[in-house]
N, C-alpha and C. Protein backbone atom coordinates (compact mmCIF):
# COMPACT_ATOMS: atom_id res chain seq x y z
N MET A 1 35.83 95.71 141.91
CA MET A 1 36.97 95.55 140.99
C MET A 1 36.77 96.46 139.80
N GLN A 2 37.67 97.30 139.52
CA GLN A 2 37.51 98.21 138.37
C GLN A 2 38.03 97.48 137.14
N THR A 3 37.30 97.51 136.01
CA THR A 3 37.68 96.93 134.75
C THR A 3 38.19 98.01 133.81
N SER A 4 39.16 97.73 133.04
CA SER A 4 39.71 98.64 132.07
C SER A 4 39.31 98.12 130.69
N THR A 5 38.94 99.12 129.89
CA THR A 5 38.58 98.70 128.51
C THR A 5 39.67 99.22 127.53
N LEU A 6 40.62 98.39 127.32
CA LEU A 6 41.70 98.73 126.42
C LEU A 6 41.34 98.33 124.99
N SER A 7 41.74 99.14 124.11
CA SER A 7 41.57 98.77 122.63
C SER A 7 42.59 97.70 122.28
N LEU A 8 42.30 96.97 121.18
CA LEU A 8 43.28 96.02 120.76
C LEU A 8 44.61 96.74 120.46
N LEU A 9 44.54 97.90 119.83
CA LEU A 9 45.74 98.61 119.52
C LEU A 9 46.53 99.00 120.70
N GLU A 10 45.91 99.33 121.79
CA GLU A 10 46.61 99.72 123.04
C GLU A 10 47.24 98.45 123.65
N VAL A 11 46.60 97.33 123.53
CA VAL A 11 47.16 96.07 124.05
C VAL A 11 48.40 95.76 123.18
N GLU A 12 48.34 95.79 121.83
CA GLU A 12 49.41 95.54 121.03
C GLU A 12 50.67 96.46 121.28
N ARG A 13 50.40 97.76 121.53
CA ARG A 13 51.42 98.67 121.77
C ARG A 13 52.06 98.34 123.08
N ALA A 14 51.30 97.96 124.11
CA ALA A 14 51.89 97.62 125.43
C ALA A 14 52.76 96.39 125.27
N ILE A 15 52.27 95.33 124.57
CA ILE A 15 53.12 94.14 124.31
C ILE A 15 54.37 94.41 123.64
N LYS A 16 54.35 95.32 122.67
CA LYS A 16 55.57 95.59 121.96
C LYS A 16 56.60 96.30 122.83
N LYS A 17 56.16 96.93 123.87
CA LYS A 17 57.07 97.61 124.79
C LYS A 17 57.67 96.68 125.82
N PHE A 18 57.10 95.48 125.99
CA PHE A 18 57.62 94.45 126.87
C PHE A 18 59.05 94.03 126.53
N GLU A 19 59.81 93.71 127.48
CA GLU A 19 61.17 93.07 127.24
C GLU A 19 60.87 91.70 126.61
N PRO A 20 61.81 91.17 125.80
CA PRO A 20 61.62 89.86 125.15
C PRO A 20 61.22 88.74 126.14
N GLU A 21 61.76 88.74 127.33
CA GLU A 21 61.49 87.71 128.26
C GLU A 21 59.97 87.77 128.73
N LYS A 22 59.58 88.98 128.91
CA LYS A 22 58.19 89.19 129.29
C LYS A 22 57.25 88.79 128.24
N GLN A 23 57.62 89.10 126.91
CA GLN A 23 56.83 88.66 125.80
C GLN A 23 56.74 87.14 125.76
N ARG A 24 57.84 86.43 125.92
CA ARG A 24 57.83 84.97 125.96
C ARG A 24 56.91 84.39 126.98
N LYS A 25 56.93 85.00 128.23
CA LYS A 25 56.02 84.48 129.26
C LYS A 25 54.61 84.76 128.91
N LEU A 26 54.31 85.84 128.27
CA LEU A 26 52.95 86.14 127.82
C LEU A 26 52.49 85.08 126.76
N LEU A 27 53.40 84.77 125.87
CA LEU A 27 53.15 83.85 124.83
C LEU A 27 52.78 82.40 125.36
N VAL A 28 53.44 82.07 126.46
CA VAL A 28 53.15 80.75 127.08
C VAL A 28 51.76 80.82 127.70
N ARG A 29 51.43 81.98 128.30
CA ARG A 29 50.10 82.05 128.99
C ARG A 29 48.91 82.38 128.07
N LEU A 30 49.21 82.93 126.90
CA LEU A 30 48.16 83.36 126.03
C LEU A 30 47.08 82.36 125.69
N PRO A 31 47.43 81.13 125.32
CA PRO A 31 46.35 80.16 124.95
C PRO A 31 45.38 79.97 126.13
N ARG A 32 45.86 79.95 127.39
CA ARG A 32 44.95 79.75 128.49
C ARG A 32 44.13 81.02 128.69
N LEU A 33 44.71 82.19 128.53
CA LEU A 33 44.03 83.50 128.65
C LEU A 33 42.89 83.58 127.61
N LEU A 34 43.19 83.08 126.39
CA LEU A 34 42.23 83.15 125.33
C LEU A 34 41.24 81.92 125.29
N LYS A 35 41.42 81.06 126.27
CA LYS A 35 40.57 79.84 126.44
C LYS A 35 40.65 78.95 125.20
N ILE A 36 41.91 78.80 124.70
CA ILE A 36 42.12 77.87 123.59
C ILE A 36 42.39 76.53 124.12
N LYS A 37 41.69 75.56 123.69
CA LYS A 37 41.83 74.12 124.16
C LYS A 37 43.17 73.59 123.78
N LEU A 38 43.73 72.67 124.65
CA LEU A 38 45.00 72.07 124.38
C LEU A 38 44.95 71.27 123.16
N GLU A 39 43.79 70.58 122.83
CA GLU A 39 43.70 69.83 121.62
C GLU A 39 43.78 70.75 120.37
N ASP A 40 43.27 71.94 120.43
CA ASP A 40 43.34 72.82 119.31
C ASP A 40 44.76 73.28 119.06
N LEU A 41 45.52 73.53 120.18
CA LEU A 41 46.82 73.87 120.07
C LEU A 41 47.71 72.79 119.46
N GLU A 42 47.39 71.50 119.76
CA GLU A 42 48.15 70.42 119.29
C GLU A 42 47.88 70.31 117.79
N LEU A 43 46.64 70.49 117.37
CA LEU A 43 46.28 70.44 115.94
C LEU A 43 46.94 71.56 115.15
N LEU A 44 47.04 72.74 115.70
CA LEU A 44 47.74 73.81 115.06
C LEU A 44 49.22 73.50 114.92
N LYS A 45 49.83 72.91 115.91
CA LYS A 45 51.28 72.49 115.83
C LYS A 45 51.47 71.53 114.74
N LEU A 46 50.60 70.61 114.63
CA LEU A 46 50.61 69.56 113.61
C LEU A 46 50.54 70.17 112.23
N ALA A 47 49.64 71.10 112.11
CA ALA A 47 49.36 71.80 110.80
C ALA A 47 50.60 72.66 110.32
N GLU A 48 51.42 73.06 111.24
CA GLU A 48 52.56 73.89 110.86
C GLU A 48 53.45 73.14 109.85
N GLN A 49 53.57 71.90 109.92
CA GLN A 49 54.39 71.10 109.03
C GLN A 49 53.89 71.23 107.57
N SER A 50 52.56 71.42 107.41
CA SER A 50 52.03 71.56 106.09
C SER A 50 52.51 72.79 105.36
N PHE A 51 52.91 73.72 106.14
CA PHE A 51 53.31 75.09 105.50
C PHE A 51 54.79 75.28 105.45
N LYS A 52 55.62 74.29 105.69
CA LYS A 52 57.05 74.34 105.66
C LYS A 52 57.53 74.75 104.29
N PHE A 53 56.82 74.31 103.22
CA PHE A 53 57.30 74.55 101.92
C PHE A 53 57.26 76.00 101.56
N TRP A 54 56.57 76.84 102.37
CA TRP A 54 56.55 78.32 102.04
C TRP A 54 57.75 78.99 102.67
N GLU A 55 58.54 78.31 103.44
CA GLU A 55 59.69 78.89 104.12
C GLU A 55 60.87 78.87 103.10
N ASN A 56 60.82 79.77 102.17
CA ASN A 56 61.90 79.91 101.19
C ASN A 56 62.02 81.42 100.79
N LYS A 57 63.12 81.69 100.16
CA LYS A 57 63.44 83.08 99.81
C LYS A 57 62.45 83.66 98.81
N GLU A 58 62.03 82.83 97.85
CA GLU A 58 61.07 83.33 96.80
C GLU A 58 59.83 83.81 97.38
N ASP A 59 59.29 83.13 98.45
CA ASP A 59 58.01 83.50 99.02
C ASP A 59 58.08 84.46 100.19
N SER A 60 59.34 84.80 100.56
CA SER A 60 59.55 85.71 101.72
C SER A 60 58.82 87.06 101.60
N ILE A 61 58.52 87.47 100.39
CA ILE A 61 57.87 88.75 100.16
C ILE A 61 56.48 88.75 100.80
N TYR A 62 55.94 87.56 100.99
CA TYR A 62 54.54 87.47 101.57
C TYR A 62 54.53 87.38 103.07
N ASP A 63 55.74 87.36 103.73
CA ASP A 63 55.79 87.12 105.10
C ASP A 63 55.30 88.31 105.92
N THR A 64 55.31 89.51 105.29
CA THR A 64 54.83 90.67 106.06
C THR A 64 53.37 91.06 105.83
N LEU A 65 52.66 90.22 105.08
CA LEU A 65 51.20 90.54 104.75
C LEU A 65 50.39 90.22 105.96
């Protein structure tokens, strides 16, 4: 089996070229591919609520950092 050594930038460029539906499918599979535990994902989801106060127009300038 031949392995390919893609750079992170090449992977990012490839993903950007995907159709939105294919990007969504990748997003669903990504935690398993990255070997992220279900418990960790659940904790991240819970933590999202802590950052809701930053979802406002005044702080939107920081969204692209």
